[in-house]
N, C-alpha and C. Protein backbone atom coordinates (compact mmCIF):
# COMPACT_ATOMS: atom_id res chain seq x y z
N MET A 1 -163.18 22.01 6.32
CA MET A 1 -161.96 22.77 6.53
C MET A 1 -160.82 21.86 6.99
N GLY A 2 -161.12 20.85 7.78
CA GLY A 2 -160.11 19.93 8.24
C GLY A 2 -159.50 19.14 7.10
N LYS A 3 -160.36 18.78 6.11
CA LYS A 3 -159.86 18.05 4.94
C LYS A 3 -158.92 18.94 4.12
N GLU A 4 -159.24 20.23 4.04
CA GLU A 4 -158.38 21.15 3.29
C GLU A 4 -157.01 21.25 3.93
N ILE A 5 -157.00 21.35 5.23
CA ILE A 5 -155.72 21.44 5.95
C ILE A 5 -154.94 20.15 5.79
N THR A 6 -155.63 19.03 5.92
CA THR A 6 -154.97 17.74 5.77
C THR A 6 -154.41 17.60 4.35
N GLY A 7 -155.20 18.01 3.36
CA GLY A 7 -154.75 17.95 1.98
C GLY A 7 -153.55 18.86 1.74
N ARG A 8 -153.60 20.04 2.31
CA ARG A 8 -152.48 20.99 2.16
C ARG A 8 -151.23 20.44 2.83
N LEU A 9 -151.38 19.87 4.02
CA LEU A 9 -150.24 19.29 4.72
C LEU A 9 -149.64 18.13 3.92
N PHE A 10 -150.51 17.33 3.29
CA PHE A 10 -150.02 16.23 2.47
C PHE A 10 -149.22 16.77 1.28
N GLU A 11 -149.74 17.85 0.64
CA GLU A 11 -149.02 18.46 -0.48
C GLU A 11 -147.65 18.96 -0.04
N LEU A 12 -147.61 19.63 1.10
CA LEU A 12 -146.34 20.15 1.60
C LEU A 12 -145.38 19.02 1.92
N LYS A 13 -145.91 17.94 2.51
CA LYS A 13 -145.07 16.79 2.83
C LYS A 13 -144.50 16.20 1.54
N GLN A 14 -145.32 16.12 0.49
CA GLN A 14 -144.87 15.57 -0.78
C GLN A 14 -143.80 16.48 -1.40
N LYS A 15 -144.00 17.80 -1.33
CA LYS A 15 -143.01 18.73 -1.87
C LYS A 15 -141.68 18.62 -1.13
N ILE A 16 -141.76 18.47 0.18
CA ILE A 16 -140.54 18.29 0.98
C ILE A 16 -139.84 17.00 0.59
N SER A 17 -140.59 15.95 0.40
CA SER A 17 -140.02 14.66 0.01
C SER A 17 -139.37 14.76 -1.37
N ASP A 18 -140.04 15.42 -2.31
CA ASP A 18 -139.48 15.60 -3.65
C ASP A 18 -138.19 16.42 -3.60
N ALA A 19 -138.21 17.48 -2.80
CA ALA A 19 -137.02 18.33 -2.67
C ALA A 19 -135.87 17.53 -2.08
N GLN A 20 -136.15 16.68 -1.11
CA GLN A 20 -135.11 15.87 -0.48
C GLN A 20 -134.52 14.89 -1.49
N THR A 21 -135.38 14.31 -2.32
CA THR A 21 -134.91 13.39 -3.36
C THR A 21 -134.00 14.11 -4.35
N LYS A 22 -134.42 15.30 -4.79
CA LYS A 22 -133.59 16.08 -5.72
C LYS A 22 -132.26 16.45 -5.07
N TYR A 23 -132.31 16.82 -3.82
CA TYR A 23 -131.08 17.18 -3.09
C TYR A 23 -130.14 15.98 -3.02
N ASN A 24 -130.68 14.82 -2.69
CA ASN A 24 -129.85 13.62 -2.60
C ASN A 24 -129.23 13.26 -3.94
N ARG A 25 -129.99 13.41 -5.03
CA ARG A 25 -129.45 13.15 -6.37
C ARG A 25 -128.32 14.12 -6.69
N ALA A 26 -128.55 15.39 -6.38
CA ALA A 26 -127.53 16.41 -6.65
C ALA A 26 -126.26 16.12 -5.85
N GLN A 27 -126.41 15.72 -4.61
CA GLN A 27 -125.25 15.38 -3.78
C GLN A 27 -124.48 14.20 -4.38
N GLY A 28 -125.22 13.21 -4.87
CA GLY A 28 -124.57 12.06 -5.50
C GLY A 28 -123.81 12.45 -6.76
N LYS A 29 -124.43 13.31 -7.57
CA LYS A 29 -123.76 13.76 -8.79
C LYS A 29 -122.52 14.58 -8.45
N LEU A 30 -122.63 15.42 -7.45
CA LEU A 30 -121.48 16.22 -7.03
C LEU A 30 -120.35 15.33 -6.56
N GLN A 31 -120.67 14.31 -5.80
CA GLN A 31 -119.65 13.37 -5.33
C GLN A 31 -118.98 12.67 -6.51
N ASN A 32 -119.78 12.26 -7.50
CA ASN A 32 -119.21 11.62 -8.69
C ASN A 32 -118.28 12.57 -9.44
N LEU A 33 -118.70 13.83 -9.59
CA LEU A 33 -117.86 14.80 -10.27
C LEU A 33 -116.55 15.02 -9.53
N ASN A 34 -116.62 15.10 -8.21
CA ASN A 34 -115.40 15.28 -7.42
C ASN A 34 -114.47 14.08 -7.57
N GLU A 35 -115.03 12.89 -7.64
CA GLU A 35 -114.21 11.69 -7.85
C GLU A 35 -113.54 11.72 -9.22
N GLN A 36 -114.28 12.18 -10.24
CA GLN A 36 -113.71 12.28 -11.58
C GLN A 36 -112.59 13.32 -11.61
N LEU A 37 -112.79 14.43 -10.92
CA LEU A 37 -111.74 15.44 -10.85
C LEU A 37 -110.47 14.86 -10.23
N LYS A 38 -110.64 14.10 -9.18
CA LYS A 38 -109.48 13.50 -8.49
C LYS A 38 -108.74 12.54 -9.41
N GLU A 39 -109.47 11.85 -10.30
CA GLU A 39 -108.83 10.93 -11.24
C GLU A 39 -107.84 11.66 -12.15
N TYR A 40 -108.09 12.94 -12.38
CA TYR A 40 -107.22 13.74 -13.23
C TYR A 40 -106.29 14.62 -12.42
N GLY A 41 -106.23 14.38 -11.12
CA GLY A 41 -105.32 15.12 -10.27
C GLY A 41 -105.80 16.52 -9.92
N CYS A 42 -107.07 16.76 -10.02
CA CYS A 42 -107.63 18.07 -9.70
C CYS A 42 -108.50 17.97 -8.45
N SER A 43 -108.43 19.02 -7.63
CA SER A 43 -109.26 19.00 -6.44
C SER A 43 -110.47 19.93 -6.56
N ASN A 44 -110.51 20.70 -7.66
CA ASN A 44 -111.67 21.57 -7.87
C ASN A 44 -111.82 21.89 -9.35
N VAL A 45 -112.92 22.53 -9.68
CA VAL A 45 -113.23 22.84 -11.07
C VAL A 45 -112.23 23.85 -11.64
N LYS A 46 -111.78 24.78 -10.84
CA LYS A 46 -110.81 25.78 -11.31
C LYS A 46 -109.53 25.10 -11.80
N GLN A 47 -109.04 24.12 -11.05
CA GLN A 47 -107.86 23.37 -11.48
C GLN A 47 -108.14 22.60 -12.76
N ALA A 48 -109.32 22.03 -12.88
CA ALA A 48 -109.67 21.26 -14.08
C ALA A 48 -109.71 22.18 -15.30
N ARG A 49 -110.26 23.38 -15.13
CA ARG A 49 -110.31 24.33 -16.24
C ARG A 49 -108.90 24.72 -16.68
N LYS A 50 -108.03 24.94 -15.71
CA LYS A 50 -106.65 25.29 -16.04
C LYS A 50 -105.98 24.13 -16.78
N MET A 51 -106.24 22.91 -16.33
CA MET A 51 -105.66 21.75 -16.99
C MET A 51 -106.15 21.67 -18.44
N VAL A 52 -107.43 21.90 -18.66
CA VAL A 52 -107.98 21.86 -20.00
C VAL A 52 -107.35 22.96 -20.86
N ASP A 53 -107.22 24.16 -20.31
CA ASP A 53 -106.59 25.25 -21.05
C ASP A 53 -105.14 24.91 -21.42
N ASP A 54 -104.41 24.34 -20.46
CA ASP A 54 -103.03 23.94 -20.73
C ASP A 54 -102.96 22.87 -21.81
N LEU A 55 -103.86 21.92 -21.74
CA LEU A 55 -103.90 20.86 -22.76
C LEU A 55 -104.26 21.42 -24.12
N ASP A 56 -105.20 22.36 -24.16
CA ASP A 56 -105.55 23.00 -25.43
C ASP A 56 -104.34 23.71 -26.03
N SER A 57 -103.60 24.41 -25.20
CA SER A 57 -102.40 25.11 -25.68
C SER A 57 -101.38 24.13 -26.22
N GLN A 58 -101.19 23.03 -25.52
CA GLN A 58 -100.24 22.02 -25.96
C GLN A 58 -100.67 21.40 -27.28
N ILE A 59 -101.97 21.17 -27.43
CA ILE A 59 -102.49 20.61 -28.68
C ILE A 59 -102.23 21.58 -29.83
N GLU A 60 -102.48 22.86 -29.59
CA GLU A 60 -102.23 23.86 -30.64
C GLU A 60 -100.75 23.87 -31.04
N LYS A 61 -99.86 23.82 -30.06
CA LYS A 61 -98.43 23.80 -30.35
C LYS A 61 -98.07 22.56 -31.17
N ASN A 62 -98.60 21.41 -30.76
CA ASN A 62 -98.31 20.17 -31.47
C ASN A 62 -98.85 20.19 -32.89
N GLU A 63 -100.04 20.79 -33.08
CA GLU A 63 -100.60 20.90 -34.42
C GLU A 63 -99.69 21.75 -35.31
N LYS A 64 -99.19 22.86 -34.78
CA LYS A 64 -98.29 23.72 -35.55
C LYS A 64 -97.00 22.99 -35.90
N LEU A 65 -96.46 22.26 -34.92
CA LEU A 65 -95.25 21.47 -35.19
C LEU A 65 -95.50 20.44 -36.28
N LEU A 66 -96.64 19.80 -36.22
CA LEU A 66 -96.99 18.79 -37.22
C LEU A 66 -97.14 19.43 -38.60
N GLU A 67 -97.82 20.57 -38.66
CA GLU A 67 -97.98 21.26 -39.94
C GLU A 67 -96.62 21.64 -40.52
N ASN A 68 -95.76 22.19 -39.68
CA ASN A 68 -94.42 22.57 -40.14
C ASN A 68 -93.63 21.35 -40.60
N GLY A 69 -93.76 20.26 -39.87
CA GLY A 69 -93.08 19.03 -40.24
C GLY A 69 -93.55 18.50 -41.58
N VAL A 70 -94.87 18.57 -41.80
CA VAL A 70 -95.42 18.11 -43.08
C VAL A 70 -94.92 18.99 -44.21
N LYS A 71 -94.88 20.31 -44.00
CA LYS A 71 -94.37 21.22 -45.03
C LYS A 71 -92.91 20.92 -45.36
N GLU A 72 -92.11 20.69 -44.34
CA GLU A 72 -90.70 20.36 -44.55
C GLU A 72 -90.56 19.05 -45.32
N LEU A 73 -91.36 18.09 -44.95
CA LEU A 73 -91.33 16.79 -45.64
C LEU A 73 -91.74 16.95 -47.10
N GLU A 74 -92.76 17.76 -47.35
CA GLU A 74 -93.17 18.00 -48.73
C GLU A 74 -92.05 18.65 -49.54
N LYS A 75 -91.35 19.61 -48.92
CA LYS A 75 -90.23 20.26 -49.61
C LYS A 75 -89.15 19.25 -49.94
N LEU A 76 -88.84 18.40 -48.96
CA LEU A 76 -87.81 17.38 -49.19
C LEU A 76 -88.22 16.43 -50.30
N LEU A 77 -89.49 16.02 -50.29
CA LEU A 77 -89.98 15.10 -51.32
C LEU A 77 -89.93 15.75 -52.71
N LYS A 78 -90.28 17.02 -52.78
CA LYS A 78 -90.22 17.73 -54.07
C LYS A 78 -88.77 17.80 -54.56
N GLY A 79 -87.85 18.02 -53.62
CA GLY A 79 -86.44 18.07 -53.98
C GLY A 79 -85.96 16.73 -54.51
N VAL A 80 -86.40 15.65 -53.92
CA VAL A 80 -86.01 14.31 -54.37
C VAL A 80 -86.63 14.04 -55.74
N GLU A 81 -87.87 14.45 -55.96
CA GLU A 81 -88.55 14.24 -57.25
C GLU A 81 -87.84 15.01 -58.34
N ASN A 82 -87.39 16.23 -58.04
CA ASN A 82 -86.71 17.05 -59.02
C ASN A 82 -85.33 16.48 -59.39
N GLU A 83 -84.72 15.74 -58.50
CA GLU A 83 -83.41 15.15 -58.76
C GLU A 83 -83.53 14.00 -59.76
N ASP A 84 -84.70 13.39 -59.78
CA ASP A 84 -84.88 12.23 -60.68
C ASP A 84 -85.06 12.69 -62.06
């Protein structure tokens, strides 16, 4: 019975050690993520999401401007070709 208790205590000690290792890794990853957020001027994930949404909107606007510009350029080029 003493060996069973000792074995069980060893298992529990190992589980605690494993949990501590996982916790330390998670803390390190969290710290890295927070540092990355700061690089982009964000202090939390909510701000980062808003920044991404704003950037997506800006990209969409720029794509539309580019498409319109290409269409206008094509019209101008067709006009020049027709003059020849």
